[in-house]
Amino acid sequence: MTKIIYRGFDVPADTSADSKETRERTYRGVRYVPTDRKYVCGKSGHTRQIYRGVVAA
């Protein structure tokens, strides 16, 4: 059985001057792959990109 987790990461941390495309991230042992969806955080007002992770449960 697998479990799908969605998590938002800040957009400025994902992009750099050298590379315009986003990359995979690892957080607490789970590998997250970027999706094409973004949202604005209600607390901070920063734009965040949604990442998708799959965990074996």
N, C-alpha and C. Protein backbone atom coordinates (compact mmCIF):
# COMPACT_ATOMS: atom_id res chain seq x y z
N MET A 1 0.84 -1.17 0.00
CA MET A 1 0.00 0.00 0.00
C MET A 1 0.90 1.24 0.00
N THR A 2 0.53 2.22 -0.78
CA THR A 2 1.30 3.45 -0.84
C THR A 2 0.44 4.63 -0.41
N LYS A 3 1.11 5.66 0.06
CA LYS A 3 0.44 6.86 0.51
C LYS A 3 1.03 8.05 -0.24
N ILE A 4 0.18 8.90 -0.80
CA ILE A 4 0.64 10.07 -1.54
C ILE A 4 0.54 11.28 -0.63
N ILE A 5 1.64 12.06 -0.57
CA ILE A 5 1.72 13.24 0.28
C ILE A 5 2.00 14.44 -0.60
N TYR A 6 1.26 15.51 -0.36
CA TYR A 6 1.51 16.78 -1.05
C TYR A 6 2.06 17.77 -0.05
N ARG A 7 3.09 18.51 -0.45
CA ARG A 7 3.73 19.47 0.44
C ARG A 7 4.18 20.68 -0.37
N GLY A 8 4.09 21.86 0.23
CA GLY A 8 4.52 23.08 -0.45
C GLY A 8 5.90 23.51 0.00
N PHE A 9 6.73 23.90 -0.95
CA PHE A 9 8.05 24.44 -0.67
C PHE A 9 8.14 25.82 -1.29
N ASP A 10 8.91 26.72 -0.69
CA ASP A 10 9.06 28.09 -1.20
C ASP A 10 9.66 28.07 -2.59
N VAL A 11 9.15 28.93 -3.45
CA VAL A 11 9.63 29.00 -4.83
C VAL A 11 11.03 29.59 -4.94
N PRO A 12 11.41 30.66 -4.21
CA PRO A 12 12.76 31.20 -4.36
C PRO A 12 13.86 30.18 -4.07
N ALA A 13 13.62 29.25 -3.20
CA ALA A 13 14.62 28.23 -2.88
C ALA A 13 14.76 27.23 -4.02
N ASP A 14 13.75 27.10 -4.87
CA ASP A 14 13.76 26.12 -5.94
C ASP A 14 14.49 26.60 -7.18
N THR A 15 14.54 27.90 -7.40
CA THR A 15 15.12 28.41 -8.63
C THR A 15 16.45 29.11 -8.33
N SER A 16 17.30 29.09 -9.30
CA SER A 16 18.58 29.80 -9.19
C SER A 16 18.89 30.43 -10.54
N ALA A 17 19.91 31.24 -10.61
CA ALA A 17 20.27 31.90 -11.86
C ALA A 17 20.74 30.89 -12.90
N ASP A 18 21.36 29.80 -12.46
CA ASP A 18 21.87 28.80 -13.40
C ASP A 18 20.77 27.91 -13.97
N SER A 19 19.85 27.49 -13.11
CA SER A 19 18.83 26.54 -13.52
C SER A 19 17.44 27.13 -13.31
N LYS A 20 16.68 27.19 -14.38
CA LYS A 20 15.33 27.74 -14.31
C LYS A 20 14.31 26.68 -13.88
N GLU A 21 14.62 25.43 -14.06
CA GLU A 21 13.64 24.39 -13.73
C GLU A 21 13.79 23.93 -12.28
N THR A 22 12.70 23.48 -11.72
CA THR A 22 12.72 23.00 -10.34
C THR A 22 13.27 21.59 -10.29
N ARG A 23 13.62 21.15 -9.11
CA ARG A 23 14.23 19.84 -8.96
C ARG A 23 13.54 19.07 -7.84
N GLU A 24 13.89 17.81 -7.74
CA GLU A 24 13.36 16.97 -6.68
C GLU A 24 13.91 17.42 -5.34
N ARG A 25 13.17 17.17 -4.29
CA ARG A 25 13.59 17.49 -2.93
C ARG A 25 13.40 16.26 -2.05
N THR A 26 14.22 16.18 -1.02
CA THR A 26 14.08 15.13 -0.02
C THR A 26 13.83 15.79 1.32
N TYR A 27 12.76 15.37 1.99
CA TYR A 27 12.41 15.93 3.29
C TYR A 27 11.97 14.79 4.19
N ARG A 28 12.69 14.59 5.28
CA ARG A 28 12.42 13.51 6.24
C ARG A 28 12.37 12.14 5.58
N GLY A 29 13.29 11.91 4.67
CA GLY A 29 13.41 10.60 4.02
C GLY A 29 12.44 10.33 2.89
N VAL A 30 11.63 11.31 2.53
CA VAL A 30 10.66 11.16 1.45
C VAL A 30 11.11 12.01 0.28
N ARG A 31 11.13 11.42 -0.92
CA ARG A 31 11.51 12.16 -2.12
C ARG A 31 10.28 12.81 -2.73
N TYR A 32 10.34 14.13 -2.93
CA TYR A 32 9.23 14.89 -3.48
C TYR A 32 9.57 15.34 -4.90
N VAL A 33 8.60 15.20 -5.80
CA VAL A 33 8.74 15.60 -7.19
C VAL A 33 7.86 16.82 -7.42
N PRO A 34 8.36 17.86 -8.11
CA PRO A 34 7.55 19.07 -8.29
C PRO A 34 6.36 18.85 -9.21
N THR A 35 5.26 19.54 -8.91
CA THR A 35 4.09 19.56 -9.78
C THR A 35 4.04 20.93 -10.45
N ASP A 36 3.06 21.15 -11.29
CA ASP A 36 2.96 22.45 -11.97
C ASP A 36 2.06 23.42 -11.22
N ARG A 37 1.64 23.09 -10.01
CA ARG A 37 0.74 23.94 -9.24
C ARG A 37 1.48 24.79 -8.23
N LYS A 38 1.02 26.03 -8.07
CA LYS A 38 1.60 26.95 -7.10
C LYS A 38 0.47 27.61 -6.33
N TYR A 39 0.76 28.10 -5.15
CA TYR A 39 -0.22 28.84 -4.35
C TYR A 39 0.50 29.87 -3.50
N VAL A 40 -0.27 30.83 -2.99
CA VAL A 40 0.28 31.87 -2.12
C VAL A 40 -0.05 31.50 -0.68
N CYS A 41 0.99 31.44 0.16
CA CYS A 41 0.82 31.10 1.57
C CYS A 41 0.04 32.22 2.26
N GLY A 42 -0.97 31.85 3.03
CA GLY A 42 -1.80 32.84 3.71
C GLY A 42 -1.09 33.56 4.84
N LYS A 43 -0.19 32.89 5.53
CA LYS A 43 0.52 33.51 6.66
C LYS A 43 1.64 34.44 6.22
N SER A 44 2.49 33.95 5.34
CA SER A 44 3.68 34.72 4.96
C SER A 44 3.50 35.52 3.67
N GLY A 45 2.60 35.10 2.81
CA GLY A 45 2.41 35.78 1.53
C GLY A 45 3.38 35.36 0.45
N HIS A 46 4.23 34.36 0.73
CA HIS A 46 5.20 33.87 -0.25
C HIS A 46 4.53 32.88 -1.20
N THR A 47 5.01 32.86 -2.43
CA THR A 47 4.53 31.89 -3.40
C THR A 47 5.22 30.56 -3.13
N ARG A 48 4.42 29.50 -3.09
CA ARG A 48 4.97 28.17 -2.84
C ARG A 48 4.55 27.24 -3.96
N GLN A 49 5.42 26.27 -4.26
CA GLN A 49 5.11 25.27 -5.26
C GLN A 49 4.76 23.97 -4.55
N ILE A 50 3.77 23.26 -5.10
CA ILE A 50 3.34 22.01 -4.49
C ILE A 50 4.18 20.87 -5.05
N TYR A 51 4.67 20.03 -4.16
CA TYR A 51 5.45 18.84 -4.51
C TYR A 51 4.66 17.60 -4.11
N ARG A 52 4.89 16.50 -4.83
CA ARG A 52 4.19 15.24 -4.59
C ARG A 52 5.21 14.19 -4.16
N GLY A 53 4.89 13.51 -3.07
CA GLY A 53 5.76 12.44 -2.57
C GLY A 53 4.96 11.16 -2.39
N VAL A 54 5.62 10.02 -2.57
CA VAL A 54 4.98 8.73 -2.40
C VAL A 54 5.72 7.96 -1.32
N VAL A 55 4.96 7.43 -0.36
CA VAL A 55 5.53 6.71 0.77
C VAL A 55 4.89 5.32 0.82
N ALA A 56 5.70 4.32 1.07
CA ALA A 56 5.16 2.98 1.28
C ALA A 56 4.68 2.88 2.72
N ALA A 57 3.41 2.56 2.89
CA ALA A 57 2.83 2.50 4.23
C ALA A 57 2.70 1.07 4.71
